[in-house]
Amino acid sequence: MKRFLISILITAAVFAAIAGLAIAFGGPGEPPPMASINDPFEGVDFADLPKVSYCTARDGTKLAFRAYPAAGGAVKGSVVLVHGSSASGSSMHVMAKGFVAAGYDAYTLDIRGHGNSGTKGHIAYVGQLEDDVEDFVHATKLAQPSTLVGFSSGGGFVLRFAGSSKQKLFSNYLLLSPFISPDAATARPGSGGWVSVGLPRIIALSVLNRIGVHAFEGLPVIRFAVAKENAKFLTAEYSFALALDFGAERDYQANIRAVRQPLRVLVGRNDEVSFADKFAGLFKGAGKDIPVTILPGIDHISLTLDPAAIQAAIATVESMDHERPNQTMQTYG
């Protein structure tokens, strides 16, 4: 019995030492700036960016968003645009203006931990982002039908939301080159050079999380290839909780299977972060024939900036607006 107890103590001590080393030294590296992600926004005119508005989350935090009222007379519906990793709602400015011109009310969110919402790079718990979107919907009278649109990591998060118990808060869902999972067939290694992941730290914190230890979850586990001159505008790194919540569920296939509302995917043929031709198979492998459109001549960032890509997004939302919720989906593109 004594030897057994000693073995347990030794095992626990070894585990604690390994976990401590992983937490202390297993964080993300510093990836060099990725020009194809950073440079395209230099040509965007932000002079007509709407002023920041705020709604109050259930914990009292002010959540930032920008509202773009539809142009013209009758409003066709509304779109709520979720930015990609590191960014803020202003990165969706060009796309928002495209939807406005097409007759939609548009909203761009600063997801908590980004832009003007909360503390950069941090959230309090996994699930807080879903609660925030729910609070935003309840605080904002969205024109119907409403569509939640997410780009890149924001697309992964929109998939998470679309497969959750809150999915009926929106009529439709649109994923723009969604980052599903580092293990998914659609993911290029290191997202094409955009991220550095502290895998040892993530593993250690995941184990501690399962036994109820959350003391180190504020440490960074992901860093992005952000240019230093843009660091003050962007979020350069994510804590453990933010990294887990701003994306699809770990079991992304279960997430996909749980979707009941109309959902579509758009991706550029030249996407340098994801493998465009693998999205249809990924969804079909999870048991859903989700329509996937691959746009020629479009890379990752231009999916939100190129006029042809924006028109494709508008056309896709319009097609879902006219679809019965239980209509069978077929893959195309």
C-alpha atoms as a PDB file:
ATOM      1  CA  MET A   1       0.000   0.000   0.000  1.00  0.00           C
ATOM      2  CA  LYS A   2       2.801   2.382   0.920  1.00  0.00           C
ATOM      3  CA  ARG A   3       4.552   1.701  -2.387  1.00  0.00           C
ATOM      4  CA  PHE A   4       1.307   2.296  -4.240  1.00  0.00           C
ATOM      5  CA  LEU A   5       0.859   5.676  -2.576  1.00  0.00           C
ATOM      6  CA  ILE A   6       4.455   6.588  -3.322  1.00  0.00           C
ATOM      7  CA  SER A   7       3.911   5.659  -6.989  1.00  0.00           C
ATOM      8  CA  ILE A   8       0.843   7.871  -7.143  1.00  0.00           C
ATOM      9  CA  LEU A   9       2.743  10.775  -5.583  1.00  0.00           C
ATOM     10  CA  ILE A  10       5.650  10.351  -7.994  1.00  0.00           C
ATOM     11  CA  THR A  11       3.294  10.174 -10.963  1.00  0.00           C
ATOM     12  CA  ALA A  12       1.471  13.302  -9.791  1.00  0.00           C
ATOM     13  CA  ALA A  13       4.760  15.124  -9.285  1.00  0.00           C
ATOM     14  CA  VAL A  14       5.989  14.164 -12.756  1.00  0.00           C
ATOM     15  CA  PHE A  15       2.697  15.268 -14.311  1.00  0.00           C
ATOM     16  CA  ALA A  16       2.823  18.574 -12.418  1.00  0.00           C
ATOM     17  CA  ALA A  17       6.394  19.150 -13.606  1.00  0.00           C
ATOM     18  CA  ILE A  18       5.549  18.376 -17.245  1.00  0.00           C
ATOM     19  CA  ALA A  19       2.412  20.528 -17.097  1.00  0.00           C
ATOM     20  CA  GLY A  20       4.371  23.348 -15.498  1.00  0.00           C
ATOM     21  CA  LEU A  21       7.022  23.257 -18.212  1.00  0.00           C
ATOM     22  CA  ALA A  22       4.378  23.121 -20.944  1.00  0.00           C
ATOM     23  CA  ILE A  23       2.531  26.085 -19.461  1.00  0.00           C
ATOM     24  CA  ALA A  24       5.677  28.121 -18.870  1.00  0.00           C
ATOM     25  CA  PHE A  25       7.560  27.401 -22.079  1.00  0.00           C
ATOM     26  CA  GLY A  26       5.007  25.851 -24.452  1.00  0.00           C
ATOM     27  CA  GLY A  27       3.412  29.078 -25.620  1.00  0.00           C
ATOM     28  CA  PRO A  28       3.146  30.311 -29.230  1.00  0.00           C
ATOM     29  CA  GLY A  29       6.038  31.750 -31.203  1.00  0.00           C
ATOM     30  CA  GLU A  30       6.208  35.049 -33.083  1.00  0.00           C
ATOM     31  CA  PRO A  31       5.201  34.440 -36.720  1.00  0.00           C
ATOM     32  CA  PRO A  32       6.542  36.958 -39.262  1.00  0.00           C
ATOM     33  CA  PRO A  33       3.957  39.364 -40.723  1.00  0.00           C
ATOM     34  CA  MET A  34       1.863  37.800 -43.485  1.00  0.00           C
ATOM     35  CA  ALA A  35       1.640  40.320 -46.329  1.00  0.00           C
ATOM     36  CA  SER A  36      -1.391  38.771 -48.047  1.00  0.00           C
ATOM     37  CA  ILE A  37      -3.421  39.277 -44.853  1.00  0.00           C
ATOM     38  CA  ASN A  38      -2.028  42.644 -43.726  1.00  0.00           C
ATOM     39  CA  ASP A  39      -1.562  44.555 -46.999  1.00  0.00           C
ATOM     40  CA  PRO A  40      -4.994  44.481 -48.728  1.00  0.00           C
ATOM     41  CA  PHE A  41      -6.608  46.737 -46.134  1.00  0.00           C
ATOM     42  CA  GLU A  42      -4.145  49.538 -46.900  1.00  0.00           C
ATOM     43  CA  GLY A  43      -6.211  50.346 -49.978  1.00  0.00           C
ATOM     44  CA  VAL A  44      -9.573  50.451 -48.157  1.00  0.00           C
ATOM     45  CA  ASP A  45     -11.221  53.847 -47.657  1.00  0.00           C
ATOM     46  CA  PHE A  46     -12.498  54.007 -44.081  1.00  0.00           C
ATOM     47  CA  ALA A  47     -13.513  57.685 -44.271  1.00  0.00           C
ATOM     48  CA  ASP A  48     -17.219  56.783 -44.214  1.00  0.00           C
ATOM     49  CA  LEU A  49     -16.941  54.261 -41.366  1.00  0.00           C
ATOM     50  CA  PRO A  50     -20.046  54.649 -39.143  1.00  0.00           C
ATOM     51  CA  LYS A  51     -19.514  55.705 -35.556  1.00  0.00           C
ATOM     52  CA  VAL A  52     -19.214  52.997 -32.913  1.00  0.00           C
ATOM     53  CA  SER A  53     -22.403  52.049 -31.065  1.00  0.00           C
ATOM     54  CA  TYR A  54     -22.625  49.884 -27.963  1.00  0.00           C
ATOM     55  CA  CYS A  55     -24.954  47.360 -26.392  1.00  0.00           C
ATOM     56  CA  THR A  56     -24.598  45.986 -22.875  1.00  0.00           C
ATOM     57  CA  ALA A  57     -23.789  42.319 -22.325  1.00  0.00           C
ATOM     58  CA  ARG A  58     -25.231  40.369 -19.397  1.00  0.00           C
ATOM     59  CA  ASP A  59     -22.032  40.891 -17.375  1.00  0.00           C
ATOM     60  CA  GLY A  60     -22.220  44.674 -17.879  1.00  0.00           C
ATOM     61  CA  THR A  61     -19.489  44.867 -20.537  1.00  0.00           C
ATOM     62  CA  LYS A  62     -20.081  47.311 -23.391  1.00  0.00           C
ATOM     63  CA  LEU A  63     -19.964  45.491 -26.720  1.00  0.00           C
ATOM     64  CA  ALA A  64     -19.060  47.578 -29.760  1.00  0.00           C
ATOM     65  CA  PHE A  65     -20.742  47.414 -33.165  1.00  0.00           C
ATOM     66  CA  ARG A  66     -21.363  49.639 -36.182  1.00  0.00           C
ATOM     67  CA  ALA A  67     -24.781  49.979 -37.809  1.00  0.00           C
ATOM     68  CA  TYR A  68     -25.286  50.484 -41.553  1.00  0.00           C
ATOM     69  CA  PRO A  69     -28.937  51.303 -42.413  1.00  0.00           C
ATOM     70  CA  ALA A  70     -30.180  49.940 -45.741  1.00  0.00           C
ATOM     71  CA  ALA A  71     -30.149  52.288 -48.697  1.00  0.00           C
ATOM     72  CA  GLY A  72     -33.391  53.209 -50.406  1.00  0.00           C
ATOM     73  CA  GLY A  73     -36.912  52.278 -49.382  1.00  0.00           C
ATOM     74  CA  ALA A  74     -38.035  48.798 -48.358  1.00  0.00           C
ATOM     75  CA  VAL A  75     -35.556  46.803 -46.274  1.00  0.00           C
ATOM     76  CA  LYS A  76     -34.992  43.247 -47.532  1.00  0.00           C
ATOM     77  CA  GLY A  77     -33.664  41.971 -44.201  1.00  0.00           C
ATOM     78  CA  SER A  78     -30.509  42.257 -42.127  1.00  0.00           C
ATOM     79  CA  VAL A  79     -27.010  40.816 -41.961  1.00  0.00           C
ATOM     80  CA  VAL A  80     -24.735  40.699 -38.915  1.00  0.00           C
ATOM     81  CA  LEU A  81     -21.085  40.406 -39.975  1.00  0.00           C
ATOM     82  CA  VAL A  82     -18.463  38.681 -37.820  1.00  0.00           C
ATOM     83  CA  HIS A  83     -14.803  39.465 -38.574  1.00  0.00           C
ATOM     84  CA  GLY A  84     -11.893  37.044 -38.748  1.00  0.00           C
ATOM     85  CA  SER A  85      -9.139  36.312 -36.230  1.00  0.00           C
ATOM     86  CA  SER A  86      -7.192  39.279 -34.849  1.00  0.00           C
ATOM     87  CA  ALA A  87      -9.448  41.792 -36.627  1.00  0.00           C
ATOM     88  CA  SER A  88     -12.396  43.978 -35.629  1.00  0.00           C
ATOM     89  CA  GLY A  89     -15.732  44.856 -37.165  1.00  0.00           C
ATOM     90  CA  SER A  90     -14.218  47.600 -39.303  1.00  0.00           C
ATOM     91  CA  SER A  91     -12.525  44.915 -41.437  1.00  0.00           C
ATOM     92  CA  MET A  92     -16.016  44.049 -42.740  1.00  0.00           C
ATOM     93  CA  HIS A  93     -16.709  47.659 -43.774  1.00  0.00           C
ATOM     94  CA  VAL A  94     -16.587  47.084 -47.535  1.00  0.00           C
ATOM     95  CA  MET A  95     -18.863  44.061 -47.367  1.00  0.00           C
ATOM     96  CA  ALA A  96     -21.302  45.891 -45.088  1.00  0.00           C
ATOM     97  CA  LYS A  97     -21.591  48.708 -47.641  1.00  0.00           C
ATOM     98  CA  GLY A  98     -22.290  46.143 -50.362  1.00  0.00           C
ATOM     99  CA  PHE A  99     -25.221  44.704 -48.402  1.00  0.00           C
ATOM    100  CA  VAL A 100     -26.512  48.206 -47.654  1.00  0.00           C
ATOM    101  CA  ALA A 101     -26.565  49.034 -51.365  1.00  0.00           C
ATOM    102  CA  ALA A 102     -28.506  45.800 -51.963  1.00  0.00           C
ATOM    103  CA  GLY A 103     -31.239  46.839 -49.499  1.00  0.00           C
ATOM    104  CA  TYR A 104     -30.099  45.156 -46.269  1.00  0.00           C
ATOM    105  CA  ASP A 105     -29.477  46.630 -42.840  1.00  0.00           C
ATOM    106  CA  ALA A 106     -25.921  45.613 -41.932  1.00  0.00           C
ATOM    107  CA  TYR A 107     -24.121  45.423 -38.601  1.00  0.00           C
ATOM    108  CA  THR A 108     -20.437  44.761 -37.983  1.00  0.00           C
ATOM    109  CA  LEU A 109     -19.499  43.433 -34.552  1.00  0.00           C
ATOM    110  CA  ASP A 110     -16.343  43.813 -32.513  1.00  0.00           C
ATOM    111  CA  ILE A 111     -16.357  40.339 -31.005  1.00  0.00           C
ATOM    112  CA  ARG A 112     -15.388  40.459 -27.311  1.00  0.00           C
ATOM    113  CA  GLY A 113     -11.602  40.412 -27.019  1.00  0.00           C
ATOM    114  CA  HIS A 114     -11.262  42.458 -30.218  1.00  0.00           C
ATOM    115  CA  GLY A 115     -11.532  46.110 -31.181  1.00  0.00           C
ATOM    116  CA  ASN A 116     -13.589  48.103 -28.683  1.00  0.00           C
ATOM    117  CA  SER A 117     -15.264  45.130 -26.978  1.00  0.00           C
ATOM    118  CA  GLY A 118     -13.742  44.079 -23.652  1.00  0.00           C
ATOM    119  CA  THR A 119     -10.064  43.336 -23.063  1.00  0.00           C
ATOM    120  CA  LYS A 120      -8.087  42.462 -26.180  1.00  0.00           C
ATOM    121  CA  GLY A 121      -7.261  38.800 -26.464  1.00  0.00           C
ATOM    122  CA  HIS A 122      -9.364  37.709 -23.471  1.00  0.00           C
ATOM    123  CA  ILE A 123     -12.816  36.462 -22.507  1.00  0.00           C
ATOM    124  CA  ALA A 124     -14.028  35.150 -19.147  1.00  0.00           C
ATOM    125  CA  TYR A 125     -15.271  31.696 -20.172  1.00  0.00           C
ATOM    126  CA  VAL A 126     -15.914  29.456 -23.167  1.00  0.00           C
ATOM    127  CA  GLY A 127     -19.455  30.217 -24.299  1.00  0.00           C
ATOM    128  CA  GLN A 128     -19.287  33.935 -23.524  1.00  0.00           C
ATOM    129  CA  LEU A 129     -19.151  34.881 -27.205  1.00  0.00           C
ATOM    130  CA  GLU A 130     -22.397  33.027 -27.897  1.00  0.00           C
ATOM    131  CA  ASP A 131     -23.987  34.810 -24.932  1.00  0.00           C
ATOM    132  CA  ASP A 132     -22.738  38.133 -26.324  1.00  0.00           C
ATOM    133  CA  VAL A 133     -24.326  37.537 -29.739  1.00  0.00           C
ATOM    134  CA  GLU A 134     -27.586  36.589 -28.052  1.00  0.00           C
ATOM    135  CA  ASP A 135     -27.439  39.799 -25.977  1.00  0.00           C
ATOM    136  CA  PHE A 136     -26.774  41.821 -29.137  1.00  0.00           C
ATOM    137  CA  VAL A 137     -29.787  40.286 -30.908  1.00  0.00           C
ATOM    138  CA  HIS A 138     -32.063  41.020 -27.951  1.00  0.00           C
ATOM    139  CA  ALA A 139     -30.792  44.612 -27.771  1.00  0.00           C
ATOM    140  CA  THR A 140     -31.134  45.252 -31.520  1.00  0.00           C
ATOM    141  CA  LYS A 141     -34.320  45.052 -33.552  1.00  0.00           C
ATOM    142  CA  LEU A 142     -33.005  43.131 -36.565  1.00  0.00           C
ATOM    143  CA  ALA A 143     -34.992  43.387 -39.779  1.00  0.00           C
ATOM    144  CA  GLN A 144     -36.211  39.952 -40.850  1.00  0.00           C
ATOM    145  CA  PRO A 145     -35.090  37.662 -42.314  1.00  0.00           C
ATOM    146  CA  SER A 146     -31.736  37.957 -40.555  1.00  0.00           C
ATOM    147  CA  THR A 147     -28.453  36.287 -41.476  1.00  0.00           C
ATOM    148  CA  LEU A 148     -25.338  35.795 -39.345  1.00  0.00           C
ATOM    149  CA  VAL A 149     -22.260  35.971 -41.594  1.00  0.00           C
ATOM    150  CA  GLY A 150     -18.777  34.986 -40.430  1.00  0.00           C
ATOM    151  CA  PHE A 151     -15.375  35.229 -42.102  1.00  0.00           C
ATOM    152  CA  SER A 152     -12.430  32.868 -41.426  1.00  0.00           C
ATOM    153  CA  SER A 153     -12.291  32.207 -37.644  1.00  0.00           C
ATOM    154  CA  GLY A 154     -15.489  34.230 -37.489  1.00  0.00           C
ATOM    155  CA  GLY A 155     -16.921  31.700 -39.933  1.00  0.00           C
ATOM    156  CA  GLY A 156     -15.938  28.890 -37.599  1.00  0.00           C
ATOM    157  CA  PHE A 157     -17.643  30.740 -34.760  1.00  0.00           C
ATOM    158  CA  VAL A 158     -20.781  31.266 -36.868  1.00  0.00           C
ATOM    159  CA  LEU A 159     -20.833  27.501 -37.499  1.00  0.00           C
ATOM    160  CA  ARG A 160     -20.555  26.990 -33.732  1.00  0.00           C
ATOM    161  CA  PHE A 161     -23.519  29.321 -33.225  1.00  0.00           C
ATOM    162  CA  ALA A 162     -25.517  27.739 -36.064  1.00  0.00           C
ATOM    163  CA  GLY A 163     -25.155  24.342 -34.396  1.00  0.00           C
ATOM    164  CA  SER A 164     -26.038  25.582 -30.917  1.00  0.00           C
ATOM    165  CA  SER A 165     -29.284  25.834 -28.964  1.00  0.00           C
ATOM    166  CA  LYS A 166     -29.366  29.537 -29.923  1.00  0.00           C
ATOM    167  CA  GLN A 167     -29.459  28.913 -33.688  1.00  0.00           C
ATOM    168  CA  LYS A 168     -33.056  30.086 -34.178  1.00  0.00           C
ATOM    169  CA  LEU A 169     -32.014  33.638 -33.271  1.00  0.00           C
ATOM    170  CA  PHE A 170     -31.106  33.993 -36.984  1.00  0.00           C
ATOM    171  CA  SER A 171     -32.954  32.908 -40.100  1.00  0.00           C
ATOM    172  CA  ASN A 172     -29.810  31.948 -42.056  1.00  0.00           C
ATOM    173  CA  TYR A 173     -26.065  31.442 -41.747  1.00  0.00           C
ATOM    174  CA  LEU A 174     -23.288  32.227 -44.227  1.00  0.00           C
ATOM    175  CA  LEU A 175     -19.697  31.044 -43.746  1.00  0.00           C
ATOM    176  CA  LEU A 176     -16.951  32.847 -45.668  1.00  0.00           C
ATOM    177  CA  SER A 177     -13.846  30.652 -45.926  1.00  0.00           C
ATOM    178  CA  PRO A 178     -14.513  29.367 -42.400  1.00  0.00           C
ATOM    179  CA  PHE A 179     -11.671  28.080 -40.257  1.00  0.00           C
ATOM    180  CA  ILE A 180     -13.212  24.849 -38.959  1.00  0.00           C
ATOM    181  CA  SER A 181     -10.399  23.143 -37.069  1.00  0.00           C
ATOM    182  CA  PRO A 182      -6.632  22.622 -37.357  1.00  0.00           C
ATOM    183  CA  ASP A 183      -7.494  18.921 -37.759  1.00  0.00           C
ATOM    184  CA  ALA A 184     -10.028  19.498 -40.554  1.00  0.00           C
ATOM    185  CA  ALA A 185      -9.140  18.587 -44.143  1.00  0.00           C
ATOM    186  CA  THR A 186      -9.815  22.204 -45.138  1.00  0.00           C
ATOM    187  CA  ALA A 187      -7.014  23.663 -42.971  1.00  0.00           C
ATOM    188  CA  ARG A 188      -3.606  24.444 -44.432  1.00  0.00           C
ATOM    189  CA  PRO A 189      -0.705  23.898 -41.959  1.00  0.00           C
ATOM    190  CA  GLY A 190      -0.411  26.919 -39.671  1.00  0.00           C
ATOM    191  CA  SER A 191      -3.265  28.505 -41.619  1.00  0.00           C
ATOM    192  CA  GLY A 192      -0.775  29.233 -44.377  1.00  0.00           C
ATOM    193  CA  GLY A 193       1.580  31.029 -41.983  1.00  0.00           C
ATOM    194  CA  TRP A 194      -1.037  33.227 -40.284  1.00  0.00           C
ATOM    195  CA  VAL A 195      -0.842  31.648 -36.815  1.00  0.00           C
ATOM    196  CA  SER A 196       1.625  30.205 -34.354  1.00  0.00           C
ATOM    197  CA  VAL A 197       0.001  27.796 -31.906  1.00  0.00           C
ATOM    198  CA  GLY A 198       1.407  26.959 -28.478  1.00  0.00           C
ATOM    199  CA  LEU A 199       0.275  23.330 -28.628  1.00  0.00           C
ATOM    200  CA  PRO A 200       2.055  22.114 -25.440  1.00  0.00           C
ATOM    201  CA  ARG A 201       0.422  24.933 -23.459  1.00  0.00           C
ATOM    202  CA  ILE A 202      -2.994  24.194 -24.998  1.00  0.00           C
ATOM    203  CA  ILE A 203      -2.719  20.499 -24.096  1.00  0.00           C
ATOM    204  CA  ALA A 204      -1.669  21.265 -20.522  1.00  0.00           C
ATOM    205  CA  LEU A 205      -4.412  23.844 -20.025  1.00  0.00           C
ATOM    206  CA  SER A 206      -6.992  21.492 -21.551  1.00  0.00           C
ATOM    207  CA  VAL A 207      -6.096  18.799 -19.030  1.00  0.00           C
ATOM    208  CA  LEU A 208      -6.236  21.275 -16.156  1.00  0.00           C
ATOM    209  CA  ASN A 209      -9.526  22.638 -17.454  1.00  0.00           C
ATOM    210  CA  ARG A 210     -11.084  19.195 -17.274  1.00  0.00           C
ATOM    211  CA  ILE A 211     -10.194  18.859 -13.596  1.00  0.00           C
ATOM    212  CA  GLY A 212     -11.483  22.319 -12.784  1.00  0.00           C
ATOM    213  CA  VAL A 213      -8.210  24.282 -12.715  1.00  0.00           C
ATOM    214  CA  HIS A 214      -8.559  27.581 -14.610  1.00  0.00           C
ATOM    215  CA  ALA A 215      -5.794  29.700 -13.077  1.00  0.00           C
ATOM    216  CA  PHE A 216      -3.585  29.859 -16.179  1.00  0.00           C
ATOM    217  CA  GLU A 217      -6.222  30.274 -18.897  1.00  0.00           C
ATOM    218  CA  GLY A 218      -5.363  33.930 -19.401  1.00  0.00           C
ATOM    219  CA  LEU A 219      -1.993  32.988 -20.902  1.00  0.00           C
ATOM    220  CA  PRO A 220      -1.650  33.336 -24.696  1.00  0.00           C
ATOM    221  CA  VAL A 221      -1.905  30.132 -26.713  1.00  0.00           C
ATOM    222  CA  ILE A 222      -2.109  31.614 -30.233  1.00  0.00           C
ATOM    223  CA  ARG A 223      -0.256  34.504 -31.901  1.00  0.00           C
ATOM    224  CA  PHE A 224      -0.983  35.963 -35.320  1.00  0.00           C
ATOM    225  CA  ALA A 225       1.270  37.183 -38.124  1.00  0.00           C
ATOM    226  CA  VAL A 226       0.333  40.800 -37.482  1.00  0.00           C
ATOM    227  CA  ALA A 227       2.569  43.622 -38.719  1.00  0.00           C
ATOM    228  CA  LYS A 228       3.933  45.655 -35.773  1.00  0.00           C
ATOM    229  CA  GLU A 229       2.530  48.901 -37.165  1.00  0.00           C
ATOM    230  CA  ASN A 230      -0.961  47.347 -37.071  1.00  0.00           C
ATOM    231  CA  ALA A 231      -0.686  45.838 -33.596  1.00  0.00           C
ATOM    232  CA  LYS A 232      -2.566  48.709 -31.931  1.00  0.00           C
ATOM    233  CA  PHE A 233      -5.571  48.142 -34.216  1.00  0.00           C
ATOM    234  CA  LEU A 234      -5.538  44.336 -34.174  1.00  0.00           C
ATOM    235  CA  THR A 235      -5.495  41.603 -31.544  1.00  0.00           C
ATOM    236  CA  ALA A 236      -2.084  39.962 -31.745  1.00  0.00           C
ATOM    237  CA  GLU A 237      -2.732  36.970 -29.462  1.00  0.00           C
ATOM    238  CA  TYR A 238      -5.549  34.925 -27.906  1.00  0.00           C
ATOM    239  CA  SER A 239      -5.966  33.489 -24.447  1.00  0.00           C
ATOM    240  CA  PHE A 240      -6.964  29.844 -24.013  1.00  0.00           C
ATOM    241  CA  ALA A 241     -10.683  30.604 -23.562  1.00  0.00           C
ATOM    242  CA  LEU A 242     -10.879  32.994 -26.521  1.00  0.00           C
ATOM    243  CA  ALA A 243      -8.997  30.568 -28.768  1.00  0.00           C
ATOM    244  CA  LEU A 244     -11.481  27.809 -27.902  1.00  0.00           C
ATOM    245  CA  ASP A 245     -14.640  29.897 -28.206  1.00  0.00           C
ATOM    246  CA  PHE A 246     -13.921  31.913 -31.350  1.00  0.00           C
ATOM    247  CA  GLY A 247     -14.338  29.023 -33.722  1.00  0.00           C
ATOM    248  CA  ALA A 248     -16.262  25.806 -34.233  1.00  0.00           C
ATOM    249  CA  GLU A 249     -16.735  23.242 -31.463  1.00  0.00           C
ATOM    250  CA  ARG A 250     -13.920  20.740 -30.921  1.00  0.00           C
ATOM    251  CA  ASP A 251     -16.304  18.108 -32.280  1.00  0.00           C
ATOM    252  CA  TYR A 252     -17.042  20.174 -35.370  1.00  0.00           C
ATOM    253  CA  GLN A 253     -18.844  17.281 -37.053  1.00  0.00           C
ATOM    254  CA  ALA A 254     -21.424  17.225 -34.249  1.00  0.00           C
ATOM    255  CA  ASN A 255     -21.643  20.996 -34.662  1.00  0.00           C
ATOM    256  CA  ILE A 256     -22.421  20.558 -38.365  1.00  0.00           C
ATOM    257  CA  ARG A 257     -24.972  17.808 -37.733  1.00  0.00           C
ATOM    258  CA  ALA A 258     -26.845  20.044 -35.275  1.00  0.00           C
ATOM    259  CA  VAL A 259     -27.477  22.810 -37.842  1.00  0.00           C
ATOM    260  CA  ARG A 260     -31.173  23.132 -38.729  1.00  0.00           C
ATOM    261  CA  GLN A 261     -31.323  26.570 -40.340  1.00  0.00           C
ATOM    262  CA  PRO A 262     -30.288  27.293 -43.957  1.00  0.00           C
ATOM    263  CA  LEU A 263     -26.489  27.527 -44.193  1.00  0.00           C
ATOM    264  CA  ARG A 264     -24.119  28.214 -47.102  1.00  0.00           C
ATOM    265  CA  VAL A 265     -20.351  28.412 -47.643  1.00  0.00           C
ATOM    266  CA  LEU A 266     -18.341  30.712 -49.914  1.00  0.00           C
ATOM    267  CA  VAL A 267     -14.586  30.337 -50.431  1.00  0.00           C
ATOM    268  CA  GLY A 268     -12.067  31.711 -52.913  1.00  0.00           C
ATOM    269  CA  ARG A 269     -10.324  29.337 -55.312  1.00  0.00           C
ATOM    270  CA  ASN A 270      -6.963  30.971 -54.431  1.00  0.00           C
ATOM    271  CA  ASP A 271      -7.468  30.909 -50.656  1.00  0.00           C
ATOM    272  CA  GLU A 272      -4.040  30.646 -49.002  1.00  0.00           C
ATOM    273  CA  VAL A 273      -5.411  29.777 -45.536  1.00  0.00           C
ATOM    274  CA  SER A 274      -7.807  26.948 -46.453  1.00  0.00           C
ATOM    275  CA  PHE A 275      -8.099  24.256 -49.128  1.00  0.00           C
ATOM    276  CA  ALA A 276     -11.112  25.492 -51.084  1.00  0.00           C
ATOM    277  CA  ASP A 277     -11.883  22.183 -52.782  1.00  0.00           C
ATOM    278  CA  LYS A 278     -12.231  20.263 -49.501  1.00  0.00           C
ATOM    279  CA  PHE A 279     -15.163  22.108 -47.914  1.00  0.00           C
ATOM    280  CA  ALA A 280     -17.965  20.245 -49.676  1.00  0.00           C
ATOM    281  CA  GLY A 281     -16.486  16.872 -48.685  1.00  0.00           C
ATOM    282  CA  LEU A 282     -15.966  17.973 -45.085  1.00  0.00           C
ATOM    283  CA  PHE A 283     -19.633  18.887 -44.662  1.00  0.00           C
ATOM    284  CA  LYS A 284     -20.833  15.825 -46.518  1.00  0.00           C
ATOM    285  CA  GLY A 285     -18.632  13.669 -44.289  1.00  0.00           C
ATOM    286  CA  ALA A 286     -20.521  15.069 -41.301  1.00  0.00           C
ATOM    287  CA  GLY A 287     -23.825  14.135 -42.904  1.00  0.00           C
ATOM    288  CA  LYS A 288     -24.853  17.502 -44.392  1.00  0.00           C
ATOM    289  CA  ASP A 289     -25.042  18.446 -48.070  1.00  0.00           C
ATOM    290  CA  ILE A 290     -24.199  22.101 -47.477  1.00  0.00           C
ATOM    291  CA  PRO A 291     -23.986  24.199 -50.671  1.00  0.00           C
ATOM    292  CA  VAL A 292     -20.410  25.374 -51.237  1.00  0.00           C
ATOM    293  CA  THR A 293     -19.534  28.009 -53.832  1.00  0.00           C
ATOM    294  CA  ILE A 294     -15.900  28.347 -54.925  1.00  0.00           C
ATOM    295  CA  LEU A 295     -15.127  31.747 -56.451  1.00  0.00           C
ATOM    296  CA  PRO A 296     -12.391  31.876 -59.130  1.00  0.00           C
ATOM    297  CA  GLY A 297      -9.576  34.408 -58.746  1.00  0.00           C
ATOM    298  CA  ILE A 298     -10.406  35.144 -55.086  1.00  0.00           C
ATOM    299  CA  ASP A 299      -7.975  34.674 -52.190  1.00  0.00           C
ATOM    300  CA  HIS A 300      -8.637  34.763 -48.444  1.00  0.00           C
ATOM    301  CA  ILE A 301      -8.908  38.484 -47.723  1.00  0.00           C
ATOM    302  CA  SER A 302     -10.374  39.462 -51.096  1.00  0.00           C
ATOM    303  CA  LEU A 303     -13.394  37.319 -50.206  1.00  0.00           C
ATOM    304  CA  THR A 304     -14.505  40.301 -48.083  1.00  0.00           C
ATOM    305  CA  LEU A 305     -13.193  43.089 -50.346  1.00  0.00           C
ATOM    306  CA  ASP A 306     -13.593  42.096 -54.005  1.00  0.00           C
ATOM    307  CA  PRO A 307     -16.835  43.383 -55.615  1.00  0.00           C
ATOM    308  CA  ALA A 308     -17.512  40.021 -57.296  1.00  0.00           C
ATOM    309  CA  ALA A 309     -17.116  38.162 -54.000  1.00  0.00           C
ATOM    310  CA  ILE A 310     -19.400  40.608 -52.195  1.00  0.00           C
ATOM    311  CA  GLN A 311     -22.053  40.244 -54.899  1.00  0.00           C
ATOM    312  CA  ALA A 312     -21.799  36.463 -54.534  1.00  0.00           C
ATOM    313  CA  ALA A 313     -22.369  36.819 -50.777  1.00  0.00           C
ATOM    314  CA  ILE A 314     -25.399  39.031 -51.357  1.00  0.00           C
ATOM    315  CA  ALA A 315     -26.856  36.600 -53.909  1.00  0.00           C
ATOM    316  CA  THR A 316     -26.325  33.719 -51.478  1.00  0.00           C
ATOM    317  CA  VAL A 317     -28.149  35.515 -48.658  1.00  0.00           C
ATOM    318  CA  GLU A 318     -30.990  36.386 -51.038  1.00  0.00           C
ATOM    319  CA  SER A 319     -31.303  32.738 -52.042  1.00  0.00           C
ATOM    320  CA  MET A 320     -31.545  31.658 -48.403  1.00  0.00           C
ATOM    321  CA  ASP A 321     -34.110  34.379 -47.666  1.00  0.00           C
ATOM    322  CA  HIS A 322     -36.422  32.726 -50.187  1.00  0.00           C
ATOM    323  CA  GLU A 323     -35.780  29.162 -49.039  1.00  0.00           C
ATOM    324  CA  ARG A 324     -38.106  27.215 -46.769  1.00  0.00           C
ATOM    325  CA  PRO A 325     -36.232  26.310 -43.531  1.00  0.00           C
ATOM    326  CA  ASN A 326     -36.626  22.551 -44.078  1.00  0.00           C
ATOM    327  CA  GLN A 327     -35.743  22.571 -47.752  1.00  0.00           C
ATOM    328  CA  THR A 328     -33.138  19.977 -48.730  1.00  0.00           C
ATOM    329  CA  MET A 329     -29.710  21.467 -49.439  1.00  0.00           C
ATOM    330  CA  GLN A 330     -27.634  20.388 -52.424  1.00  0.00           C
ATOM    331  CA  THR A 331     -23.926  20.953 -52.981  1.00  0.00           C
ATOM    332  CA  TYR A 332     -22.836  22.983 -55.978  1.00  0.00           C
ATOM    333  CA  GLY A 333     -19.876  25.034 -57.194  1.00  0.00           C
END
